[in-house]
Amino acid sequence: MLPRLGIAEWTALVTPAFSIALLGAVESLLSAVVSDGMIGSRHRANMELVAQGIANIASPLFGGIPATGAIARTATNVRNGGRTPVAGIVHALTLLLITLFFGKWAALIPMATLAAILVVVAYHMSEWRTFREEVRAPKSDVAVLLTTFFLTVAVDLTVAIEIGMVLSAFLFMHRMSEVTAVNAVTQELAREARDEADVPLSQLTPRSVPAGVEIFEISGAFFFGAVEAFKETLRAVGSKPKVLIIRMRDVSLLDSTGLRALRDVVRHGRAERTLVLIAEIHAQPMAALERSPTFEELGEGQIYMTLEDALDRARDHLATRTPTPIAPFPAAKP
């Protein structure tokens, strides 16, 4: 039967349910990865979680508890020749038969025997050797591991999972911001053009950078953790360029903060009479850019798939740029 839950029960159960679902997903996927390594196969992670979710939705209707993939029984199954889902089906049918028909004989097993079995299983599942190896990992990873471990023992598993997830998310964002780099590559491309001057004309690429053009290249995920590095690099430019090209060939992710930074650059360039061009942008950043107001301010005519096309646009802009007239000096009086 479906239970009747009020708002108070829902509030009290959401956090433990989320923790149990997260632990179950991690345990099942870890079990699948272990078995993959033993037999040289590859599992379908999405199907594994869908099947587990359906089972855990149906199980409580019959008085059951949440179930996950078990590393110990999976490894035992594989060592004894199990290779296909049939092995799991036979295992489930065996447990069903014991529950329905042979439970009275299973009840005769001494509790001391079951306790010994549980001690051995718990020892193998503790993975203390893996824990010892993880302590030699980078200090930030060790801090997350030890924090989660001690919170599990001293406070509660739910609290440990929540804090561990938050710490891992902050650690991931910090590492992503360190990987992302913003560099001025104008001089580098100019040197490449000079080096290519000795190659045959058919192999020469039109990458000579005209005066008044600055090229910046972003590498990595362009998200809120890397925006400050982008702004600092732009501020480091001493002279005001006539054309600013932002090369994004190595940008795999663009979020709303990165889009806002690009919009600020476009607006600042318009105020300073600097043409801002974007070159070599990939599918995900391009899709995010098209859905943002930055795309309307930038315009399609300022986004190019290759750096050569952006440089051609820069040359055309410099050629058609009308210089500001200078007022002549008044004629000297006789």
Protein backbone atom coordinates (compact mmCIF):
# COMPACT_ATOMS: atom_id res chain seq x y z
CA MET A 1 0.00 0.00 0.00
CA LEU A 2 1.06 3.58 -0.55
CA PRO A 3 1.78 5.37 2.74
CA ARG A 4 0.00 8.57 3.69
CA LEU A 5 2.58 11.26 4.29
CA GLY A 6 2.00 14.79 5.51
CA ILE A 7 4.18 17.83 5.02
CA ALA A 8 6.04 17.13 8.27
CA GLU A 9 6.86 13.57 7.20
CA TRP A 10 7.98 14.73 3.75
CA THR A 11 10.28 17.34 5.30
CA ALA A 12 11.80 14.79 7.65
CA LEU A 13 12.30 12.13 4.96
CA VAL A 14 13.68 14.17 2.03
CA THR A 15 17.24 14.47 3.34
CA PRO A 16 17.68 10.80 4.37
CA ALA A 17 16.04 9.66 1.12
CA PHE A 18 18.46 11.77 -0.91
CA SER A 19 21.43 10.38 1.03
CA ILE A 20 20.24 6.80 0.61
CA ALA A 21 19.67 7.30 -3.12
CA LEU A 22 23.13 8.83 -3.52
CA LEU A 23 24.81 6.06 -1.56
CA GLY A 24 22.89 3.42 -3.49
CA ALA A 25 23.89 4.92 -6.83
CA VAL A 26 27.56 5.15 -5.85
CA GLU A 27 27.57 1.61 -4.45
CA SER A 28 25.91 0.11 -7.52
CA LEU A 29 28.13 1.93 -10.00
CA LEU A 30 31.23 1.03 -7.98
CA SER A 31 30.15 -2.60 -7.97
CA ALA A 32 29.69 -2.47 -11.76
CA VAL A 33 33.12 -0.87 -12.24
CA VAL A 34 34.76 -3.56 -10.09
CA SER A 35 33.13 -6.35 -12.09
CA ASP A 36 34.09 -4.60 -15.35
CA GLY A 37 37.72 -4.65 -14.26
CA MET A 38 37.50 -8.34 -13.40
CA ILE A 39 36.06 -9.50 -16.74
CA GLY A 40 37.19 -6.70 -19.08
CA SER A 41 33.64 -5.59 -19.90
CA ARG A 42 31.72 -2.31 -19.79
CA HIS A 43 28.43 -1.66 -18.03
CA ARG A 44 25.60 0.72 -18.92
CA ALA A 45 25.54 3.18 -16.04
CA ASN A 46 22.20 4.81 -16.92
CA MET A 47 20.41 1.45 -17.17
CA GLU A 48 21.96 0.34 -13.88
CA LEU A 49 20.52 3.36 -12.06
CA VAL A 50 17.13 3.14 -13.80
CA ALA A 51 16.76 -0.53 -12.81
CA GLN A 52 17.82 0.21 -9.24
CA GLY A 53 15.37 3.10 -9.03
CA ILE A 54 12.44 0.98 -10.24
CA ALA A 55 13.33 -1.79 -7.79
CA ASN A 56 13.59 0.61 -4.85
CA ILE A 57 10.26 2.22 -5.71
CA ALA A 58 8.51 -1.16 -5.83
CA SER A 59 10.28 -2.82 -2.89
CA PRO A 60 8.82 -0.66 -0.07
CA LEU A 61 5.29 -1.47 -1.27
CA PHE A 62 5.94 -5.03 -0.06
CA GLY A 63 7.77 -4.10 3.14
CA GLY A 64 11.23 -4.16 1.59
CA ILE A 65 14.21 -1.88 2.16
CA PRO A 66 16.42 -0.02 -0.37
CA ALA A 67 18.75 -2.33 -2.30
CA THR A 68 21.98 -1.66 -4.14
CA GLY A 69 24.53 -3.59 -6.11
CA ALA A 70 26.68 -5.55 -3.65
CA ILE A 71 30.43 -5.57 -4.29
CA ALA A 72 31.10 -8.69 -2.20
CA ARG A 73 28.42 -10.88 -3.83
CA THR A 74 29.16 -9.47 -7.31
CA ALA A 75 32.85 -10.28 -6.96
CA THR A 76 32.02 -13.77 -5.66
CA ASN A 77 29.65 -14.27 -8.59
CA VAL A 78 32.28 -13.23 -11.11
CA ARG A 79 34.97 -15.43 -9.55
CA ASN A 80 32.64 -18.41 -9.91
CA GLY A 81 31.99 -17.85 -13.61
CA GLY A 82 29.09 -15.39 -13.65
CA ARG A 83 29.23 -13.24 -16.80
CA THR A 84 25.66 -12.39 -17.82
CA PRO A 85 22.48 -11.03 -16.16
CA VAL A 86 21.33 -14.63 -15.79
CA ALA A 87 23.68 -14.95 -12.82
CA GLY A 88 21.91 -12.07 -11.06
CA ILE A 89 18.50 -13.56 -11.88
CA VAL A 90 19.50 -16.95 -10.39
CA HIS A 91 20.78 -15.18 -7.29
CA ALA A 92 17.49 -13.30 -6.88
CA LEU A 93 15.41 -16.44 -7.41
CA THR A 94 17.50 -18.31 -4.83
CA LEU A 95 16.84 -15.60 -2.24
CA LEU A 96 13.15 -15.65 -3.15
CA LEU A 97 12.94 -19.40 -2.62
CA ILE A 98 14.69 -19.13 0.75
CA THR A 99 12.31 -16.36 1.81
CA LEU A 100 9.12 -18.15 0.70
CA PHE A 101 9.82 -21.84 1.28
CA PHE A 102 13.13 -22.54 3.04
CA GLY A 103 13.09 -19.84 5.70
CA LYS A 104 12.39 -22.33 8.51
CA TRP A 105 15.63 -24.16 7.72
CA ALA A 106 17.56 -20.91 7.32
CA ALA A 107 16.34 -19.96 10.81
CA LEU A 108 18.24 -22.94 12.20
CA ILE A 109 21.60 -21.43 11.20
CA PRO A 110 23.33 -20.39 14.46
CA MET A 111 23.53 -16.65 15.04
CA ALA A 112 27.25 -17.01 15.85
CA THR A 113 27.80 -18.39 12.33
CA LEU A 114 25.92 -15.51 10.74
CA ALA A 115 27.86 -13.06 12.91
CA ALA A 116 31.16 -14.53 11.74
CA ILE A 117 30.05 -14.24 8.13
CA LEU A 118 29.07 -10.61 8.67
CA VAL A 119 32.42 -9.83 10.28
CA VAL A 120 34.28 -11.27 7.28
CA VAL A 121 32.03 -9.44 4.81
CA ALA A 122 32.40 -6.15 6.72
CA TYR A 123 36.18 -6.58 6.80
CA HIS A 124 36.35 -7.04 3.03
CA MET A 125 33.92 -4.18 2.38
CA SER A 126 35.88 -1.77 4.59
CA GLU A 127 38.60 -1.60 1.91
CA TRP A 128 41.20 -0.49 4.46
CA ARG A 129 43.99 -1.01 1.93
CA THR A 130 42.29 1.44 -0.43
CA PHE A 131 41.84 3.85 2.48
CA ARG A 132 45.58 3.64 3.21
CA GLU A 133 46.40 4.34 -0.43
CA GLU A 134 44.02 7.31 -0.56
CA VAL A 135 45.83 8.96 2.35
CA ARG A 136 48.79 9.39 0.00
CA ALA A 137 46.63 11.38 -2.44
CA PRO A 138 46.74 15.22 -2.71
CA LYS A 139 46.09 16.96 0.61
CA SER A 140 42.77 18.44 -0.52
CA ASP A 141 41.41 14.97 -1.37
CA VAL A 142 42.67 13.59 1.93
CA ALA A 143 40.93 16.43 3.79
CA VAL A 144 37.59 15.57 2.16
CA LEU A 145 38.09 11.85 2.84
CA LEU A 146 38.98 12.28 6.52
CA THR A 147 36.21 14.84 7.10
CA THR A 148 33.59 12.52 5.64
CA PHE A 149 35.01 9.54 7.54
CA PHE A 150 35.02 11.20 10.96
CA LEU A 151 31.58 12.75 10.45
CA THR A 152 30.22 9.30 9.58
CA VAL A 153 31.62 7.84 12.81
CA ALA A 154 31.01 10.77 15.15
CA VAL A 155 27.80 12.38 13.87
CA ASP A 156 25.68 10.73 11.19
CA LEU A 157 26.03 9.24 7.72
CA THR A 158 23.54 11.73 6.25
CA VAL A 159 25.48 14.73 7.57
CA ALA A 160 28.75 13.22 6.36
CA ILE A 161 27.42 12.73 2.82
CA GLU A 162 26.03 16.28 2.62
CA ILE A 163 29.20 17.96 3.88
CA GLY A 164 31.39 15.67 1.80
CA MET A 165 29.47 16.55 -1.35
CA VAL A 166 29.74 20.28 -0.65
CA LEU A 167 33.48 20.04 0.02
CA SER A 168 33.98 17.99 -3.15
CA ALA A 169 32.05 20.55 -5.20
CA PHE A 170 34.18 23.43 -3.88
CA LEU A 171 37.33 21.42 -4.50
CA PHE A 172 36.24 20.68 -8.07
CA MET A 173 35.48 24.34 -8.79
CA HIS A 174 38.85 25.38 -7.36
CA ARG A 175 40.68 22.91 -9.58
CA MET A 176 38.72 23.94 -12.65
CA SER A 177 39.61 27.59 -12.03
CA GLU A 178 43.28 26.64 -11.78
CA VAL A 179 43.15 24.69 -15.05
CA THR A 180 41.49 27.56 -16.95
CA ALA A 181 44.03 29.96 -18.45
CA VAL A 182 43.69 33.28 -20.30
CA ASN A 183 46.71 34.36 -22.34
CA ALA A 184 47.57 37.10 -24.80
CA VAL A 185 48.80 35.27 -27.92
CA THR A 186 49.28 38.20 -30.30
CA GLN A 187 53.08 38.09 -30.20
CA GLU A 188 53.12 34.29 -30.42
CA LEU A 189 51.00 34.30 -33.58
CA ALA A 190 53.14 37.05 -35.07
CA ARG A 191 56.26 34.93 -34.50
CA GLU A 192 54.51 31.95 -36.12
CA ALA A 193 53.72 34.08 -39.16
CA ARG A 194 57.37 35.15 -39.44
CA ASP A 195 58.54 31.54 -39.12
CA GLU A 196 56.11 30.46 -41.84
CA ALA A 197 57.58 33.00 -44.24
CA ASP A 198 60.25 30.44 -45.24
CA VAL A 199 57.75 27.72 -46.24
CA PRO A 200 56.34 27.38 -49.78
CA LEU A 201 53.59 29.82 -50.75
CA SER A 202 51.03 26.99 -51.06
CA GLN A 203 51.53 26.11 -47.37
CA LEU A 204 51.55 29.66 -46.03
CA THR A 205 48.64 30.50 -43.72
CA PRO A 206 47.39 34.11 -43.55
CA ARG A 207 47.96 34.59 -39.82
CA SER A 208 49.97 37.78 -39.82
CA VAL A 209 48.56 39.98 -37.09
CA PRO A 210 48.20 43.62 -38.17
CA ALA A 211 49.09 46.47 -35.85
CA GLY A 212 46.25 47.52 -33.58
CA VAL A 213 44.91 43.96 -33.16
CA GLU A 214 45.16 42.05 -29.87
CA ILE A 215 44.32 38.33 -29.58
CA PHE A 216 43.46 36.61 -26.30
CA GLU A 217 43.01 32.86 -25.95
CA ILE A 218 40.90 31.17 -23.25
CA SER A 219 41.71 27.55 -22.36
CA GLY A 220 39.48 25.41 -20.14
CA ALA A 221 36.04 26.00 -18.67
CA PHE A 222 35.04 29.67 -18.79
CA PHE A 223 32.87 29.85 -15.66
CA PHE A 224 32.62 32.13 -12.63
CA GLY A 225 35.83 30.74 -11.13
CA ALA A 226 37.88 31.89 -14.16
CA VAL A 227 36.24 35.24 -14.90
CA GLU A 228 38.57 37.22 -12.64
CA ALA A 229 41.63 35.80 -14.41
CA PHE A 230 40.08 36.85 -17.73
CA LYS A 231 39.46 40.41 -16.52
CA GLU A 232 42.95 40.72 -15.02
CA THR A 233 44.55 39.61 -18.28
CA LEU A 234 42.55 42.18 -20.25
CA ARG A 235 43.54 44.92 -17.80
CA ALA A 236 47.20 44.04 -18.32
CA VAL A 237 47.05 45.35 -21.91
CA GLY A 238 48.80 48.69 -21.84
CA SER A 239 47.56 50.17 -25.13
CA LYS A 240 43.95 50.32 -26.30
CA PRO A 241 43.59 47.99 -29.34
CA LYS A 242 41.47 48.85 -32.34
CA VAL A 243 40.36 45.21 -32.66
CA LEU A 244 40.16 42.65 -29.85
CA ILE A 245 39.86 38.96 -30.86
CA ILE A 246 38.88 36.41 -28.20
CA ARG A 247 39.92 32.92 -29.30
CA MET A 248 37.84 30.16 -27.66
CA ARG A 249 38.99 26.98 -29.39
CA ASP A 250 39.81 25.28 -26.05
CA VAL A 251 36.72 26.45 -24.14
CA SER A 252 34.49 23.45 -23.39
CA LEU A 253 32.06 25.13 -20.97
CA LEU A 254 30.56 28.61 -20.80
CA ASP A 255 28.22 29.62 -17.97
CA SER A 256 26.18 32.73 -17.23
CA THR A 257 29.03 34.50 -15.43
CA GLY A 258 31.32 33.94 -18.40
CA LEU A 259 28.63 35.30 -20.71
CA ARG A 260 28.29 38.38 -18.51
CA ALA A 261 32.06 38.91 -18.69
CA LEU A 262 31.94 38.73 -22.50
CA ARG A 263 29.05 41.20 -22.54
CA ASP A 264 31.04 43.61 -20.37
CA VAL A 265 33.98 43.35 -22.77
CA VAL A 266 31.69 44.07 -25.75
CA ARG A 267 30.13 47.10 -24.05
CA HIS A 268 33.50 48.41 -22.92
CA GLY A 269 34.89 47.92 -26.43
CA ARG A 270 31.96 49.82 -27.93
CA ALA A 271 32.60 52.70 -25.55
CA GLU A 272 36.32 52.68 -26.41
CA ARG A 273 35.64 52.23 -30.17
CA THR A 274 37.24 48.79 -30.10
CA LEU A 275 35.80 46.04 -32.30
CA VAL A 276 35.38 42.77 -30.33
CA LEU A 277 35.46 39.51 -32.31
CA ILE A 278 35.06 35.91 -31.15
CA ALA A 279 36.84 33.12 -33.01
CA GLU A 280 36.80 29.29 -33.00
CA ILE A 281 33.94 28.82 -30.53
CA HIS A 282 32.61 25.30 -29.97
CA ALA A 283 29.06 23.93 -29.91
CA GLN A 284 28.19 24.19 -26.18
CA PRO A 285 29.58 27.71 -25.68
CA MET A 286 27.96 28.78 -28.96
CA ALA A 287 24.57 27.41 -27.90
CA ALA A 288 24.84 29.20 -24.54
CA LEU A 289 25.87 32.41 -26.32
CA GLU A 290 22.96 32.28 -28.76
CA ARG A 291 20.45 32.07 -25.88
CA SER A 292 21.92 35.06 -24.04
CA PRO A 293 21.52 38.84 -24.55
CA THR A 294 25.26 38.95 -25.28
CA PHE A 295 24.59 37.43 -28.71
CA GLU A 296 22.31 40.33 -29.66
CA GLU A 297 24.86 42.91 -28.53
CA LEU A 298 27.70 41.09 -30.25
CA GLY A 299 25.92 40.25 -33.50
CA GLU A 300 26.53 37.35 -35.89
CA GLY A 301 29.01 39.44 -37.90
CA GLN A 302 31.47 39.35 -35.01
CA ILE A 303 31.59 35.56 -34.48
CA TYR A 304 33.85 33.48 -36.72
CA MET A 305 34.61 29.77 -36.91
CA THR A 306 38.31 30.25 -37.73
CA LEU A 307 40.96 32.69 -36.55
CA GLU A 308 41.88 33.49 -40.17
CA ASP A 309 38.35 34.73 -40.87
CA ALA A 310 38.46 36.90 -37.74
CA LEU A 311 41.81 38.37 -38.83
CA ASP A 312 40.38 39.11 -42.28
CA ARG A 313 37.47 40.93 -40.61
CA ALA A 314 39.97 42.85 -38.47
CA ARG A 315 41.96 43.90 -41.58
CA ASP A 316 38.77 45.10 -43.30
CA HIS A 317 37.82 47.07 -40.19
CA LEU A 318 41.24 48.72 -39.99
CA ALA A 319 41.17 49.54 -43.71
CA THR A 320 37.74 51.20 -43.56
CA ARG A 321 38.26 52.92 -40.23
CA THR A 322 37.97 56.69 -40.72
CA PRO A 323 40.66 58.59 -38.83
CA THR A 324 39.55 61.39 -36.54
CA PRO A 325 40.15 64.74 -38.30
CA ILE A 326 42.67 67.05 -36.67
CA ALA A 327 41.85 70.74 -36.61
CA PRO A 328 44.54 72.83 -38.41
CA PHE A 329 46.51 75.48 -36.56
CA PRO A 330 45.30 79.04 -37.18
CA ALA A 331 47.33 81.05 -39.66
CA ALA A 332 49.92 83.31 -38.15
CA LYS A 333 49.10 87.05 -38.23
CA PRO A 334 51.46 89.22 -40.24
